[in-house]
Every structure is written in structure tokens, then in C-alpha cells.
Protein backbone atom coordinates (compact mmCIF):
# COMPACT_ATOMS: atom_id res chain seq x y z
CA MET A 1 -0.29 0.20 -0.06
CA ILE A 2 1.19 3.62 -0.44
CA THR A 3 1.51 5.75 2.09
CA ARG A 4 0.68 9.73 1.06
CA LYS A 5 3.96 11.77 2.42
CA ASP A 6 2.39 14.09 5.35
CA LYS A 7 3.69 18.11 4.05
CA ASN A 8 3.38 19.82 7.41
CA VAL A 9 5.92 17.06 8.43
CA SER A 10 8.29 18.27 5.50
CA ARG A 11 7.56 21.38 5.61
CA LYS A 12 8.67 20.95 9.87
CA ALA A 13 11.83 19.08 9.09
CA ARG A 14 12.98 21.85 7.38
CA HIS A 15 11.85 24.22 9.20
CA ASP A 16 14.35 22.81 12.37
CA ARG A 17 17.31 22.65 9.59
CA VAL A 18 17.38 25.83 8.85
CA ARG A 19 16.66 27.30 12.84
CA ARG A 20 19.95 25.35 13.21
CA LYS A 21 21.61 28.12 11.35
CA ILE A 22 19.52 31.20 11.96
CA SER A 23 18.50 33.23 14.85
CA GLY A 24 17.55 36.32 15.87
CA THR A 25 19.44 38.58 17.88
CA THR A 26 18.92 42.27 19.60
CA ALA A 27 20.68 44.01 17.10
CA ARG A 28 18.94 41.69 13.92
CA PRO A 29 15.80 40.10 15.16
CA ARG A 30 14.26 37.26 13.14
CA LEU A 31 10.77 37.74 11.70
CA SER A 32 9.10 34.41 11.65
CA VAL A 33 6.31 33.56 9.65
CA TYR A 34 3.23 31.27 10.26
CA ARG A 35 0.52 29.90 7.59
CA SER A 36 -2.15 28.21 8.12
CA LEU A 37 -5.32 27.30 5.70
CA ASN A 38 -6.78 30.56 6.67
CA HIS A 39 -4.90 33.17 8.74
CA ILE A 40 -0.85 34.35 8.59
CA TYR A 41 0.73 35.31 11.38
CA VAL A 42 3.86 37.07 11.68
CA GLN A 43 6.22 37.40 14.72
CA ILE A 44 9.84 39.35 15.11
CA ILE A 45 11.69 37.70 17.72
CA ASP A 46 14.80 38.57 19.49
CA ASP A 47 16.03 34.84 20.04
CA GLU A 48 18.51 35.50 22.71
CA HIS A 49 15.88 37.11 25.20
CA ALA A 50 12.97 34.65 23.59
CA THR A 51 11.03 37.32 23.66
CA THR A 52 8.32 38.71 20.60
CA LEU A 53 8.92 42.54 19.92
CA ALA A 54 5.94 42.31 17.30
CA ALA A 55 4.06 41.16 15.73
CA ALA A 56 0.84 40.77 13.42
CA SER A 57 -2.06 38.50 11.97
CA THR A 58 -4.96 38.62 9.66
CA LEU A 59 -6.97 38.34 13.23
CA ASP A 60 -5.91 41.73 14.93
CA PRO A 61 -8.63 44.15 14.61
CA ALA A 62 -6.57 47.23 13.86
CA LEU A 63 -6.42 44.99 10.59
CA LYS A 64 -9.65 43.59 10.14
CA ASP A 65 -11.52 46.15 8.22
CA GLN A 66 -8.52 46.59 5.78
CA ILE A 67 -8.20 42.69 4.94
CA THR A 68 -11.78 42.07 4.77
CA ASP A 69 -12.68 41.67 0.45
CA LYS A 70 -9.22 41.21 0.17
CA THR A 71 -7.51 37.83 -1.18
CA LYS A 72 -5.09 35.61 0.92
CA LYS A 73 -1.93 37.19 -0.93
CA GLU A 74 -3.04 40.80 -0.91
CA ALA A 75 -4.25 40.29 3.28
CA ALA A 76 -0.68 38.66 3.54
CA ARG A 77 1.10 41.69 2.11
CA ILE A 78 -1.00 44.16 4.11
CA VAL A 79 0.10 41.90 7.18
CA GLY A 80 3.49 41.79 6.77
CA GLU A 81 3.51 46.18 6.48
CA ALA A 82 2.00 46.19 9.93
CA ALA A 83 4.69 44.32 11.21
CA ALA A 84 7.62 45.83 9.79
CA LYS A 85 5.80 49.15 10.71
CA LYS A 86 5.31 47.76 14.46
CA ALA A 87 8.67 47.08 14.15
CA LEU A 88 10.47 50.12 12.46
CA GLU A 89 8.37 51.94 15.80
CA LYS A 90 10.62 50.29 18.26
CA GLY A 91 13.93 50.73 16.42
CA ILE A 92 14.21 47.80 14.45
CA LYS A 93 15.49 48.79 10.74
CA GLN A 94 17.14 44.97 9.86
CA VAL A 95 16.05 41.50 11.09
CA VAL A 96 16.48 37.59 9.36
CA PHE A 97 13.92 36.62 7.52
CA ASP A 98 12.14 32.63 8.54
CA ARG A 99 10.44 31.23 6.12
CA SER A 100 9.19 28.55 8.41
CA GLY A 101 9.87 25.45 6.35
CA TYR A 102 7.52 27.02 4.09
CA ILE A 103 8.34 27.85 0.41
CA TYR A 104 9.29 31.31 -0.92
CA HIS A 105 6.62 31.94 -3.11
CA GLY A 106 2.68 33.15 -2.91
CA ARG A 107 1.57 34.27 0.55
CA ILE A 108 5.11 34.10 1.92
CA LEU A 109 6.28 36.37 -0.45
CA GLU A 110 3.91 38.44 -0.11
CA VAL A 111 4.56 39.10 3.22
CA ALA A 112 8.70 40.16 2.71
CA ALA A 113 7.23 42.33 -0.04
CA GLY A 114 5.46 43.46 2.84
CA ALA A 115 7.84 44.08 5.31
CA ARG A 116 10.50 45.30 2.86
CA ALA A 117 7.89 48.37 1.57
CA ALA A 118 7.18 48.82 4.83
CA GLY A 119 11.14 49.81 5.36
CA LEU A 120 12.43 46.45 7.31
CA GLU A 121 15.27 45.62 5.18
CA PHE A 122 16.48 41.30 5.00
């Protein structure tokens, strides 16, 4: 019998492999993205102190009215811009992009493009 490989298990393996090499510092925190079926979540994390410095998602009440009647890709760009604005308010200009094992395509690419458009440097 042929069994189907679980895509999320493969993604988590890729994520663990990459996380061995990258980490967020105080000077250059990590911008981490999580993508669920309907929503997207972005966190800017300082791994040295294990703290989340800024976060944004499609579930934020401040973004809800902007995201209604938008596609998932358009919503991802808005979330990336919102996370970047919160980071810039806290004095963070450079980040390390952590795509969490997802392919750099579609919504993940839009989050990165939105963050860059708002002024973050990767």
C-alpha cells in the first residue's frame, strides 16, 4: 500500500534544519511567518532574550477592516507591512527572514514584500 507523505512533517523538518543556522539577535531579530489555511501570522523575535518584539496577523482587530474582501495574498502583504511598521516604531530596521520551512512563494513572498515596502531590510 502506498502511503502519502505528510507535507507538514516535511515542512517542520525543513524549519528545524534552517533554525539550526539562523537565530534572531537583539541587533537583528528574526521575522518568523506561520501560515495556516485561512490566516497568516508574523512575529519579530529576539532569540537571545526569548521575547516577541512585535507581531501582526490577519486576526488583529486593527487590520480586520483592511483585510475584508481581499485575497489571501493581499492580506499577507498588509500583515507584512503592519509588522514592519510595528518593528520600525521600536527601532528595528534589519531582520533575518524565517520562512518556517514554507516555499518562498505566494503568501510568504507577499509578507516579505510588504515588510520590505514598509522599510524593513532583510
